[in-house]
Amino acid sequence: MKYLHTMIRVSNLDDSLDFYCKALGLVEMRRKEVPSGRFTLIFLAAPESPEAQLELTYNWDPEDYQGGRNFGHVAFAVDNIYEKCQALANHGVTILRPPRDGYMAFIRSPDNISIELLQKGEPLAPAEPWQSMPNTGSW
């Protein structure tokens, strides 16, 4: 058995690609337009693990997706959690659970999907401004 992908429905393709690709750093692996079904599939992956993909499903007819929290979360390992969180914040992403411990942080996608960021290897030494930053909202 081989893990293939996780599917997430998105309500705005441009916002989602901006978040997942430009802010988070995933790359588009392939795209499939299905006019007969009125949807687009875009498969994304982290450059270091292209075999584990995130499928964005965009339905052309508007839908209101509720309860992204019941999905749980998607998790990514990062080389430097402080640098990644700063880059995300610079991109306008709210760091909901800052990496106070030098190991774990949470953010949300434009469709309210919870995303966990984990430091590769051992936690980094606690550092400001993250160490004293409070949680924001739910993650």
N, C-alpha and C. Protein backbone atom coordinates (compact mmCIF):
# COMPACT_ATOMS: atom_id res chain seq x y z
N MET A 1 0.85 -1.18 0.00
CA MET A 1 0.00 0.00 0.00
C MET A 1 0.89 1.24 0.00
N LYS A 2 0.45 2.28 -0.70
CA LYS A 2 1.21 3.51 -0.79
C LYS A 2 0.28 4.68 -0.54
N TYR A 3 0.69 5.60 0.33
CA TYR A 3 -0.08 6.82 0.58
C TYR A 3 -0.04 7.68 -0.68
N LEU A 4 -1.20 8.20 -1.10
CA LEU A 4 -1.25 9.02 -2.31
C LEU A 4 -1.46 10.49 -2.01
N HIS A 5 -2.60 10.84 -1.41
CA HIS A 5 -2.88 12.26 -1.17
C HIS A 5 -4.01 12.44 -0.16
N THR A 6 -4.16 13.68 0.27
CA THR A 6 -5.28 14.13 1.09
C THR A 6 -6.02 15.18 0.28
N MET A 7 -7.35 15.08 0.23
CA MET A 7 -8.15 16.03 -0.54
C MET A 7 -8.78 17.07 0.38
N ILE A 8 -8.70 18.31 -0.05
CA ILE A 8 -9.34 19.43 0.65
C ILE A 8 -10.14 20.22 -0.37
N ARG A 9 -11.41 20.48 -0.06
CA ARG A 9 -12.22 21.33 -0.93
C ARG A 9 -11.89 22.79 -0.63
N VAL A 10 -11.74 23.58 -1.68
CA VAL A 10 -11.42 25.00 -1.51
C VAL A 10 -12.49 25.85 -2.19
N SER A 11 -12.74 27.01 -1.62
CA SER A 11 -13.80 27.88 -2.14
C SER A 11 -13.27 28.94 -3.10
N ASN A 12 -11.98 29.28 -3.02
CA ASN A 12 -11.39 30.28 -3.91
C ASN A 12 -10.02 29.76 -4.34
N LEU A 13 -9.91 29.39 -5.59
CA LEU A 13 -8.69 28.77 -6.09
C LEU A 13 -7.49 29.70 -6.01
N ASP A 14 -7.66 30.96 -6.37
CA ASP A 14 -6.55 31.91 -6.33
C ASP A 14 -6.04 32.11 -4.91
N ASP A 15 -6.96 32.32 -3.96
CA ASP A 15 -6.55 32.49 -2.56
C ASP A 15 -5.85 31.24 -2.03
N SER A 16 -6.39 30.08 -2.40
CA SER A 16 -5.81 28.83 -1.91
C SER A 16 -4.41 28.59 -2.49
N LEU A 17 -4.23 28.85 -3.78
CA LEU A 17 -2.91 28.67 -4.38
C LEU A 17 -1.91 29.68 -3.83
N ASP A 18 -2.36 30.90 -3.57
CA ASP A 18 -1.49 31.90 -2.96
C ASP A 18 -1.03 31.40 -1.59
N PHE A 19 -1.95 30.87 -0.80
CA PHE A 19 -1.62 30.37 0.54
C PHE A 19 -0.71 29.15 0.47
N TYR A 20 -1.16 28.10 -0.21
CA TYR A 20 -0.41 26.84 -0.20
C TYR A 20 0.91 26.91 -0.95
N CYS A 21 0.97 27.66 -2.04
CA CYS A 21 2.20 27.73 -2.84
C CYS A 21 3.10 28.89 -2.43
N LYS A 22 2.58 30.10 -2.48
CA LYS A 22 3.43 31.25 -2.20
C LYS A 22 3.78 31.39 -0.72
N ALA A 23 2.81 31.20 0.17
CA ALA A 23 3.08 31.37 1.60
C ALA A 23 3.70 30.12 2.21
N LEU A 24 3.09 28.96 1.98
CA LEU A 24 3.54 27.73 2.63
C LEU A 24 4.70 27.07 1.90
N GLY A 25 4.80 27.26 0.59
CA GLY A 25 5.95 26.75 -0.16
C GLY A 25 5.73 25.43 -0.89
N LEU A 26 4.46 24.99 -1.02
CA LEU A 26 4.20 23.79 -1.80
C LEU A 26 4.30 24.12 -3.29
N VAL A 27 4.48 23.09 -4.11
CA VAL A 27 4.56 23.29 -5.55
C VAL A 27 3.46 22.49 -6.24
N GLU A 28 2.97 23.05 -7.34
CA GLU A 28 1.94 22.36 -8.11
C GLU A 28 2.57 21.23 -8.89
N MET A 29 2.02 20.02 -8.71
CA MET A 29 2.53 18.83 -9.38
C MET A 29 1.76 18.55 -10.67
N ARG A 30 0.44 18.70 -10.59
CA ARG A 30 -0.39 18.52 -11.78
C ARG A 30 -1.76 19.12 -11.53
N ARG A 31 -2.48 19.33 -12.64
CA ARG A 31 -3.79 19.97 -12.60
C ARG A 31 -4.70 19.24 -13.57
N LYS A 32 -5.96 19.09 -13.17
CA LYS A 32 -6.93 18.44 -14.04
C LYS A 32 -8.24 19.22 -14.00
N GLU A 33 -8.64 19.72 -15.17
CA GLU A 33 -9.91 20.42 -15.32
C GLU A 33 -10.95 19.40 -15.78
N VAL A 34 -12.11 19.38 -15.15
CA VAL A 34 -13.17 18.43 -15.50
C VAL A 34 -14.45 19.22 -15.79
N PRO A 35 -14.57 19.75 -17.03
CA PRO A 35 -15.75 20.56 -17.37
C PRO A 35 -17.07 19.81 -17.18
N SER A 36 -17.10 18.53 -17.51
CA SER A 36 -18.36 17.79 -17.38
C SER A 36 -18.81 17.69 -15.92
N GLY A 37 -17.86 17.66 -14.99
CA GLY A 37 -18.20 17.61 -13.57
C GLY A 37 -18.14 18.97 -12.91
N ARG A 38 -17.70 20.00 -13.66
CA ARG A 38 -17.61 21.37 -13.18
C ARG A 38 -16.71 21.49 -11.95
N PHE A 39 -15.48 20.91 -12.07
CA PHE A 39 -14.52 21.04 -10.98
C PHE A 39 -13.10 21.00 -11.52
N THR A 40 -12.18 21.47 -10.70
CA THR A 40 -10.75 21.46 -11.00
C THR A 40 -10.03 20.76 -9.86
N LEU A 41 -9.08 19.90 -10.20
CA LEU A 41 -8.23 19.24 -9.21
C LEU A 41 -6.82 19.75 -9.40
N ILE A 42 -6.19 20.16 -8.31
CA ILE A 42 -4.80 20.59 -8.35
C ILE A 42 -4.06 19.82 -7.27
N PHE A 43 -3.00 19.14 -7.67
CA PHE A 43 -2.21 18.35 -6.73
C PHE A 43 -0.94 19.11 -6.38
N LEU A 44 -0.72 19.31 -5.09
CA LEU A 44 0.43 20.04 -4.58
C LEU A 44 1.29 19.12 -3.73
N ALA A 45 2.56 19.47 -3.58
CA ALA A 45 3.44 18.69 -2.71
C ALA A 45 4.58 19.57 -2.21
N ALA A 46 5.14 19.16 -1.09
CA ALA A 46 6.35 19.80 -0.60
C ALA A 46 7.50 19.34 -1.49
N PRO A 47 8.43 20.23 -1.83
CA PRO A 47 9.53 19.85 -2.72
C PRO A 47 10.31 18.62 -2.25
N GLU A 48 10.44 18.44 -0.95
CA GLU A 48 11.22 17.32 -0.42
C GLU A 48 10.47 15.98 -0.45
N SER A 49 9.14 16.02 -0.62
CA SER A 49 8.38 14.77 -0.62
C SER A 49 7.25 14.84 -1.65
N PRO A 50 7.61 14.84 -2.94
CA PRO A 50 6.60 15.00 -3.98
C PRO A 50 5.62 13.83 -4.06
N GLU A 51 5.95 12.71 -3.45
CA GLU A 51 5.05 11.56 -3.50
C GLU A 51 3.86 11.70 -2.55
N ALA A 52 3.95 12.53 -1.55
CA ALA A 52 2.85 12.77 -0.60
C ALA A 52 2.17 14.08 -1.00
N GLN A 53 0.99 13.97 -1.58
CA GLN A 53 0.38 15.15 -2.19
C GLN A 53 -0.88 15.62 -1.47
N LEU A 54 -1.16 16.88 -1.66
CA LEU A 54 -2.37 17.52 -1.18
C LEU A 54 -3.20 17.86 -2.41
N GLU A 55 -4.40 17.32 -2.48
CA GLU A 55 -5.28 17.58 -3.61
C GLU A 55 -6.26 18.69 -3.25
N LEU A 56 -6.20 19.79 -3.98
CA LEU A 56 -7.17 20.86 -3.82
C LEU A 56 -8.28 20.60 -4.83
N THR A 57 -9.51 20.51 -4.35
CA THR A 57 -10.66 20.32 -5.22
C THR A 57 -11.45 21.61 -5.22
N TYR A 58 -11.57 22.20 -6.40
CA TYR A 58 -12.32 23.45 -6.56
C TYR A 58 -13.56 23.16 -7.40
N ASN A 59 -14.73 23.24 -6.76
CA ASN A 59 -16.00 23.07 -7.47
C ASN A 59 -16.41 24.41 -8.06
N TRP A 60 -16.68 24.43 -9.36
CA TRP A 60 -16.95 25.68 -10.06
C TRP A 60 -18.23 26.35 -9.58
N ASP A 61 -19.19 25.57 -9.11
CA ASP A 61 -20.42 26.14 -8.57
C ASP A 61 -20.21 26.40 -7.09
N PRO A 62 -20.45 27.64 -6.63
CA PRO A 62 -20.15 27.99 -5.24
C PRO A 62 -20.85 27.08 -4.23
N GLU A 63 -20.08 26.71 -3.21
CA GLU A 63 -20.60 25.95 -2.08
C GLU A 63 -20.06 26.58 -0.81
N ASP A 64 -20.80 26.43 0.28
CA ASP A 64 -20.36 26.94 1.58
C ASP A 64 -19.82 25.77 2.39
N TYR A 65 -18.51 25.70 2.56
CA TYR A 65 -17.90 24.61 3.30
C TYR A 65 -17.81 24.99 4.77
N GLN A 66 -18.45 24.22 5.61
CA GLN A 66 -18.46 24.47 7.05
C GLN A 66 -17.67 23.39 7.76
N GLY A 67 -17.17 23.70 8.94
CA GLY A 67 -16.60 22.70 9.82
C GLY A 67 -15.25 22.17 9.41
N GLY A 68 -14.36 23.02 8.87
CA GLY A 68 -13.03 22.56 8.54
C GLY A 68 -12.31 21.95 9.72
N ARG A 69 -12.70 22.34 10.92
CA ARG A 69 -12.06 21.82 12.13
C ARG A 69 -12.29 20.32 12.29
N ASN A 70 -13.44 19.80 11.83
CA ASN A 70 -13.70 18.37 12.00
C ASN A 70 -12.78 17.52 11.14
N PHE A 71 -12.07 18.11 10.20
CA PHE A 71 -11.09 17.40 9.39
C PHE A 71 -9.89 16.99 10.23
N GLY A 72 -9.54 17.77 11.20
CA GLY A 72 -8.31 17.57 11.96
C GLY A 72 -7.28 18.56 11.47
N HIS A 73 -6.16 18.08 10.93
CA HIS A 73 -5.17 18.99 10.38
C HIS A 73 -4.25 18.28 9.41
N VAL A 74 -3.54 19.08 8.64
CA VAL A 74 -2.48 18.63 7.76
C VAL A 74 -1.19 19.06 8.44
N ALA A 75 -0.16 18.21 8.42
CA ALA A 75 1.09 18.55 9.10
C ALA A 75 2.27 18.53 8.13
N PHE A 76 3.18 19.49 8.34
CA PHE A 76 4.39 19.59 7.53
C PHE A 76 5.59 19.77 8.46
N ALA A 77 6.69 19.09 8.17
CA ALA A 77 7.95 19.30 8.87
C ALA A 77 8.69 20.43 8.15
N VAL A 78 9.29 21.34 8.91
CA VAL A 78 10.00 22.48 8.32
C VAL A 78 11.43 22.52 8.86
N ASP A 79 12.34 23.09 8.05
CA ASP A 79 13.74 23.17 8.44
C ASP A 79 13.97 24.09 9.63
N ASN A 80 13.27 25.23 9.64
CA ASN A 80 13.41 26.19 10.74
C ASN A 80 12.03 26.78 11.01
N ILE A 81 11.42 26.39 12.10
CA ILE A 81 10.04 26.79 12.37
C ILE A 81 9.92 28.30 12.59
N TYR A 82 10.93 28.92 13.15
CA TYR A 82 10.87 30.37 13.36
C TYR A 82 10.90 31.11 12.02
N GLU A 83 11.79 30.69 11.13
CA GLU A 83 11.86 31.34 9.82
C GLU A 83 10.59 31.11 9.01
N LYS A 84 10.03 29.89 9.07
CA LYS A 84 8.80 29.60 8.32
C LYS A 84 7.64 30.42 8.87
N CYS A 85 7.52 30.51 10.20
CA CYS A 85 6.43 31.30 10.79
C CYS A 85 6.58 32.78 10.45
N GLN A 86 7.82 33.28 10.44
CA GLN A 86 8.03 34.68 10.09
C GLN A 86 7.67 34.93 8.63
N ALA A 87 8.06 34.01 7.76
CA ALA A 87 7.73 34.15 6.34
C ALA A 87 6.21 34.12 6.13
N LEU A 88 5.52 33.24 6.85
CA LEU A 88 4.06 33.18 6.76
C LEU A 88 3.44 34.48 7.28
N ALA A 89 3.91 34.97 8.42
CA ALA A 89 3.39 36.22 8.98
C ALA A 89 3.63 37.37 8.01
N ASN A 90 4.80 37.40 7.38
CA ASN A 90 5.10 38.44 6.40
C ASN A 90 4.16 38.36 5.20
N HIS A 91 3.63 37.18 4.94
CA HIS A 91 2.69 36.97 3.84
C HIS A 91 1.25 37.27 4.27
N GLY A 92 1.06 37.66 5.54
CA GLY A 92 -0.26 38.00 6.04
C GLY A 92 -1.01 36.86 6.71
N VAL A 93 -0.32 35.74 6.94
CA VAL A 93 -0.94 34.59 7.60
C VAL A 93 -0.83 34.77 9.11
N THR A 94 -1.94 34.58 9.82
CA THR A 94 -1.95 34.67 11.28
C THR A 94 -1.39 33.38 11.87
N ILE A 95 -0.44 33.51 12.77
CA ILE A 95 0.12 32.36 13.47
C ILE A 95 -0.77 32.14 14.69
N LEU A 96 -1.65 31.15 14.60
CA LEU A 96 -2.65 30.92 15.65
C LEU A 96 -2.03 30.33 16.92
N ARG A 97 -1.15 29.39 16.75
CA ARG A 97 -0.43 28.80 17.88
C ARG A 97 1.05 29.01 17.57
N PRO A 98 1.65 30.05 18.14
CA PRO A 98 3.06 30.34 17.84
C PRO A 98 3.98 29.21 18.33
N PRO A 99 5.17 29.12 17.74
CA PRO A 99 6.11 28.06 18.13
C PRO A 99 6.88 28.42 19.40
N ARG A 100 6.16 28.63 20.49
CA ARG A 100 6.81 29.01 21.75
C ARG A 100 7.84 27.98 22.20
N ASP A 101 7.58 26.72 21.88
CA ASP A 101 8.46 25.62 22.30
C ASP A 101 9.56 25.33 21.28
N GLY A 102 9.63 26.12 20.20
CA GLY A 102 10.63 25.87 19.17
C GLY A 102 10.36 24.63 18.35
N TYR A 103 9.13 24.10 18.47
CA TYR A 103 8.84 22.83 17.81
C TYR A 103 7.53 22.81 17.02
N MET A 104 6.47 23.43 17.51
CA MET A 104 5.16 23.27 16.90
C MET A 104 4.45 24.62 16.77
N ALA A 105 3.77 24.78 15.63
CA ALA A 105 2.93 25.97 15.40
C ALA A 105 1.72 25.53 14.60
N PHE A 106 0.66 26.34 14.65
CA PHE A 106 -0.54 26.09 13.86
C PHE A 106 -0.97 27.36 13.15
N ILE A 107 -1.44 27.16 11.90
CA ILE A 107 -2.02 28.23 11.10
C ILE A 107 -3.29 27.66 10.48
N ARG A 108 -4.02 28.47 9.71
CA ARG A 108 -5.20 27.99 8.98
C ARG A 108 -5.14 28.47 7.55
N SER A 109 -5.69 27.65 6.66
CA SER A 109 -5.78 28.00 5.24
C SER A 109 -6.93 28.99 5.04
N PRO A 110 -7.05 29.55 3.83
CA PRO A 110 -8.19 30.44 3.56
C PRO A 110 -9.55 29.75 3.74
N ASP A 111 -9.58 28.41 3.69
CA ASP A 111 -10.82 27.67 3.90
C ASP A 111 -10.92 27.09 5.30
N ASN A 112 -10.12 27.63 6.22
CA ASN A 112 -10.20 27.28 7.63
C ASN A 112 -9.69 25.88 7.95
N ILE A 113 -8.83 25.32 7.11
CA ILE A 113 -8.21 24.03 7.39
C ILE A 113 -7.02 24.27 8.32
N SER A 114 -6.98 23.52 9.41
CA SER A 114 -5.90 23.64 10.38
C SER A 114 -4.63 22.98 9.83
N ILE A 115 -3.51 23.71 9.92
CA ILE A 115 -2.23 23.20 9.42
C ILE A 115 -1.21 23.29 10.55
N GLU A 116 -0.61 22.14 10.85
CA GLU A 116 0.40 22.05 11.89
C GLU A 116 1.78 22.10 11.25
N LEU A 117 2.66 22.91 11.80
CA LEU A 117 4.04 22.99 11.36
C LEU A 117 4.91 22.44 12.48
N LEU A 118 5.80 21.50 12.15
CA LEU A 118 6.67 20.87 13.13
C LEU A 118 8.12 21.06 12.74
N GLN A 119 8.95 21.41 13.71
CA GLN A 119 10.38 21.57 13.49
C GLN A 119 10.99 20.20 13.20
N LYS A 120 11.77 20.11 12.12
CA LYS A 120 12.50 18.86 11.85
C LYS A 120 13.52 18.64 12.96
N GLY A 121 13.67 17.40 13.38
CA GLY A 121 14.67 17.06 14.39
C GLY A 121 14.30 17.60 15.76
N GLU A 122 15.30 18.04 16.48
CA GLU A 122 15.10 18.55 17.83
C GLU A 122 14.49 19.95 17.81
N PRO A 123 13.72 20.31 18.86
CA PRO A 123 13.18 21.67 18.95
C PRO A 123 14.30 22.71 18.96
N LEU A 124 14.00 23.88 18.40
CA LEU A 124 14.94 25.00 18.49
C LEU A 124 14.83 25.61 19.88
N ALA A 125 15.86 26.33 20.30
CA ALA A 125 15.82 27.00 21.60
C ALA A 125 14.70 28.05 21.58
N PRO A 126 13.96 28.18 22.68
CA PRO A 126 12.90 29.21 22.73
C PRO A 126 13.47 30.58 22.37
N ALA A 127 12.70 31.34 21.60
CA ALA A 127 13.17 32.65 21.13
C ALA A 127 12.00 33.61 20.99
N GLU A 128 12.28 34.87 21.16
CA GLU A 128 11.29 35.93 20.96
C GLU A 128 11.25 36.29 19.48
N PRO A 129 10.13 36.77 18.99
CA PRO A 129 8.92 37.14 19.73
C PRO A 129 8.00 35.96 20.02
N TRP A 130 8.38 34.77 19.55
CA TRP A 130 7.49 33.61 19.61
C TRP A 130 7.24 33.14 21.03
N GLN A 131 8.25 33.17 21.87
CA GLN A 131 8.14 32.61 23.22
C GLN A 131 7.05 33.28 24.05
N SER A 132 6.86 34.58 23.88
CA SER A 132 5.85 35.28 24.69
C SER A 132 4.57 35.59 23.92
N MET A 133 4.47 35.12 22.69
CA MET A 133 3.29 35.39 21.86
C MET A 133 2.13 34.49 22.28
N PRO A 134 0.96 35.06 22.51
CA PRO A 134 -0.19 34.24 22.89
C PRO A 134 -0.84 33.54 21.70
N ASN A 135 -1.64 32.54 21.99
CA ASN A 135 -2.45 31.90 20.95
C ASN A 135 -3.49 32.90 20.45
N THR A 136 -3.93 32.71 19.22
CA THR A 136 -4.96 33.53 18.61
C THR A 136 -6.04 32.62 18.04
N GLY A 137 -7.28 32.81 18.45
CA GLY A 137 -8.38 32.00 17.90
C GLY A 137 -8.22 30.53 18.22
N SER A 138 -8.80 29.70 17.37
CA SER A 138 -8.69 28.25 17.56
C SER A 138 -7.82 27.67 16.47
N TRP A 139 -7.15 26.59 16.79
CA TRP A 139 -6.24 25.98 15.83
C TRP A 139 -6.46 24.50 15.80
